Amino acid sequence: RVLALKARAAAVAKEFEGCLEVGLASEDTDSGSRWYSPGLGLVMERWSGENRNTVLSLVHWTLPSA
């Protein structure tokens, strides 16, 4: 489910503004969020719960030249 349309994601690479934040839930008690930056895509994911506590964070990116 969509949690925010203009969220801030503090990834390792930098802080991203204006991100889409999506809430996640698994079949057990774990839950999390994903942050998508406009024009770039997934920049951060965070899970917490009984079975896992993880953070996936963008550390570097290169955009193709036109």
N, C-alpha and C. Protein backbone atom coordinates (compact mmCIF):
# COMPACT_ATOMS: atom_id res chain seq x y z
N ARG A 1 0.83 -1.17 0.00
CA ARG A 1 0.00 0.00 0.00
C ARG A 1 0.88 1.24 0.00
N VAL A 2 0.40 2.31 -0.58
CA VAL A 2 1.14 3.56 -0.64
C VAL A 2 1.03 4.27 0.71
N LEU A 3 2.19 4.60 1.28
CA LEU A 3 2.22 5.30 2.57
C LEU A 3 2.44 6.80 2.39
N ALA A 4 3.22 7.19 1.37
CA ALA A 4 3.50 8.61 1.14
C ALA A 4 3.91 8.83 -0.31
N LEU A 5 3.56 9.99 -0.83
CA LEU A 5 3.95 10.34 -2.20
C LEU A 5 5.16 11.26 -2.23
N LYS A 6 5.50 11.89 -1.13
CA LYS A 6 6.63 12.82 -1.06
C LYS A 6 7.50 12.53 0.16
N ALA A 7 7.91 11.28 0.30
CA ALA A 7 8.70 10.86 1.46
C ALA A 7 10.18 11.17 1.25
N ARG A 8 10.93 11.14 2.34
CA ARG A 8 12.38 11.31 2.31
C ARG A 8 13.01 9.96 2.64
N ALA A 9 13.99 9.56 1.84
CA ALA A 9 14.71 8.30 2.07
C ALA A 9 16.18 8.63 2.32
N ALA A 10 16.68 8.26 3.48
CA ALA A 10 18.08 8.52 3.85
C ALA A 10 18.92 7.29 3.50
N ALA A 11 19.24 7.13 2.22
CA ALA A 11 20.07 6.02 1.76
C ALA A 11 21.53 6.34 2.03
N VAL A 12 22.40 5.36 1.87
CA VAL A 12 23.83 5.56 2.07
C VAL A 12 24.37 6.59 1.07
N ALA A 13 23.93 6.51 -0.18
CA ALA A 13 24.43 7.40 -1.23
C ALA A 13 24.12 8.86 -0.95
N LYS A 14 22.90 9.15 -0.51
CA LYS A 14 22.46 10.51 -0.21
C LYS A 14 21.02 10.46 0.28
N GLU A 15 20.48 11.60 0.67
CA GLU A 15 19.07 11.68 1.02
C GLU A 15 18.28 12.01 -0.23
N PHE A 16 17.26 11.23 -0.48
CA PHE A 16 16.40 11.42 -1.65
C PHE A 16 15.09 12.04 -1.20
N GLU A 17 14.67 13.11 -1.85
CA GLU A 17 13.42 13.81 -1.54
C GLU A 17 12.36 13.41 -2.56
N GLY A 18 11.11 13.52 -2.19
CA GLY A 18 10.00 13.29 -3.11
C GLY A 18 9.80 11.85 -3.51
N CYS A 19 10.15 10.92 -2.64
CA CYS A 19 10.05 9.50 -2.95
C CYS A 19 8.64 8.96 -2.71
N LEU A 20 8.30 7.95 -3.46
CA LEU A 20 7.10 7.15 -3.22
C LEU A 20 7.47 6.13 -2.15
N GLU A 21 6.72 6.10 -1.05
CA GLU A 21 6.96 5.12 0.01
C GLU A 21 5.83 4.10 -0.01
N VAL A 22 6.20 2.84 -0.13
CA VAL A 22 5.23 1.74 -0.21
C VAL A 22 5.42 0.85 1.02
N GLY A 23 4.32 0.55 1.71
CA GLY A 23 4.36 -0.34 2.86
C GLY A 23 4.26 -1.79 2.43
N LEU A 24 5.00 -2.66 3.11
CA LEU A 24 5.05 -4.08 2.77
C LEU A 24 4.69 -4.92 3.98
N ALA A 25 4.15 -6.09 3.74
CA ALA A 25 3.86 -7.04 4.82
C ALA A 25 4.04 -8.45 4.28
N SER A 26 4.57 -9.33 5.12
CA SER A 26 4.73 -10.73 4.72
C SER A 26 3.67 -11.56 5.43
N GLU A 27 3.67 -12.84 5.14
CA GLU A 27 2.67 -13.73 5.73
C GLU A 27 2.86 -13.90 7.23
N ASP A 28 4.08 -13.69 7.72
CA ASP A 28 4.32 -13.78 9.16
C ASP A 28 4.17 -12.38 9.78
N THR A 29 4.94 -12.06 10.79
CA THR A 29 4.78 -10.78 11.48
C THR A 29 5.72 -9.69 10.97
N ASP A 30 6.46 -9.96 9.90
CA ASP A 30 7.40 -8.97 9.36
C ASP A 30 6.67 -7.90 8.56
N SER A 31 7.21 -6.69 8.61
CA SER A 31 6.67 -5.60 7.80
C SER A 31 7.82 -4.70 7.39
N GLY A 32 7.57 -3.88 6.39
CA GLY A 32 8.63 -3.01 5.92
C GLY A 32 8.12 -1.94 5.00
N SER A 33 9.09 -1.23 4.43
CA SER A 33 8.79 -0.16 3.48
C SER A 33 9.82 -0.16 2.38
N ARG A 34 9.41 0.34 1.21
CA ARG A 34 10.31 0.58 0.07
C ARG A 34 10.15 2.02 -0.35
N TRP A 35 11.27 2.65 -0.71
CA TRP A 35 11.26 4.03 -1.18
C TRP A 35 11.77 4.06 -2.61
N TYR A 36 10.98 4.67 -3.48
CA TYR A 36 11.31 4.80 -4.90
C TYR A 36 11.50 6.28 -5.23
N SER A 37 12.67 6.62 -5.77
CA SER A 37 12.97 7.99 -6.15
C SER A 37 12.54 8.22 -7.60
N PRO A 38 11.88 9.34 -7.89
CA PRO A 38 11.46 9.63 -9.26
C PRO A 38 12.65 9.66 -10.23
N GLY A 39 12.53 8.98 -11.33
CA GLY A 39 13.57 8.95 -12.35
C GLY A 39 14.73 8.02 -12.05
N LEU A 40 14.74 7.41 -10.88
CA LEU A 40 15.85 6.53 -10.50
C LEU A 40 15.37 5.14 -10.13
N GLY A 41 14.32 5.04 -9.34
CA GLY A 41 13.78 3.74 -8.93
C GLY A 41 14.01 3.46 -7.45
N LEU A 42 14.12 2.19 -7.10
CA LEU A 42 14.26 1.77 -5.72
C LEU A 42 15.58 2.28 -5.13
N VAL A 43 15.50 3.04 -4.02
CA VAL A 43 16.70 3.57 -3.39
C VAL A 43 16.90 3.01 -1.98
N MET A 44 15.83 2.48 -1.37
CA MET A 44 15.96 1.94 -0.02
C MET A 44 14.80 1.01 0.30
N GLU A 45 15.11 -0.01 1.11
CA GLU A 45 14.10 -0.95 1.59
C GLU A 45 14.44 -1.30 3.03
N ARG A 46 13.45 -1.31 3.89
CA ARG A 46 13.66 -1.62 5.31
C ARG A 46 12.62 -2.64 5.75
N TRP A 47 13.08 -3.74 6.38
CA TRP A 47 12.20 -4.77 6.94
C TRP A 47 12.50 -4.90 8.43
N SER A 48 11.47 -5.17 9.20
CA SER A 48 11.66 -5.47 10.62
C SER A 48 10.59 -6.44 11.06
N GLY A 49 10.91 -7.22 12.07
CA GLY A 49 9.94 -8.18 12.57
C GLY A 49 10.59 -9.36 13.24
N GLU A 50 9.81 -10.40 13.37
CA GLU A 50 10.22 -11.60 14.07
C GLU A 50 11.32 -12.36 13.34
N ASN A 51 11.25 -12.41 12.00
CA ASN A 51 12.16 -13.24 11.22
C ASN A 51 13.32 -12.49 10.58
N ARG A 52 13.24 -11.16 10.51
CA ARG A 52 14.34 -10.42 9.88
C ARG A 52 14.31 -8.96 10.28
N ASN A 53 15.49 -8.38 10.29
CA ASN A 53 15.68 -6.94 10.48
C ASN A 53 16.76 -6.54 9.49
N THR A 54 16.35 -6.02 8.35
CA THR A 54 17.30 -5.72 7.29
C THR A 54 17.04 -4.36 6.68
N VAL A 55 18.12 -3.79 6.12
CA VAL A 55 18.03 -2.54 5.38
C VAL A 55 18.81 -2.73 4.09
N LEU A 56 18.18 -2.42 2.98
CA LEU A 56 18.81 -2.41 1.67
C LEU A 56 18.89 -0.95 1.26
N SER A 57 20.10 -0.48 0.93
CA SER A 57 20.28 0.94 0.65
C SER A 57 21.15 1.14 -0.58
N LEU A 58 20.76 2.09 -1.40
CA LEU A 58 21.55 2.45 -2.57
C LEU A 58 22.86 3.10 -2.12
N VAL A 59 23.98 2.64 -2.64
CA VAL A 59 25.27 3.23 -2.27
C VAL A 59 25.93 3.95 -3.44
N HIS A 60 25.54 3.62 -4.67
CA HIS A 60 26.12 4.27 -5.85
C HIS A 60 25.21 4.02 -7.04
N TRP A 61 25.19 4.97 -7.97
CA TRP A 61 24.43 4.76 -9.19
C TRP A 61 25.08 5.56 -10.32
N THR A 62 24.85 5.10 -11.53
CA THR A 62 25.29 5.78 -12.74
C THR A 62 24.12 5.77 -13.72
N LEU A 63 23.76 6.95 -14.20
CA LEU A 63 22.70 7.04 -15.20
C LEU A 63 23.33 6.99 -16.58
N PRO A 64 22.70 6.29 -17.53
CA PRO A 64 23.25 6.23 -18.88
C PRO A 64 23.21 7.60 -19.54
N SER A 65 24.26 7.91 -20.31
CA SER A 65 24.28 9.18 -21.02
C SER A 65 23.43 9.10 -22.28
N ALA A 66 22.81 10.19 -22.61
CA ALA A 66 21.88 10.21 -23.76
C ALA A 66 22.59 10.39 -25.07
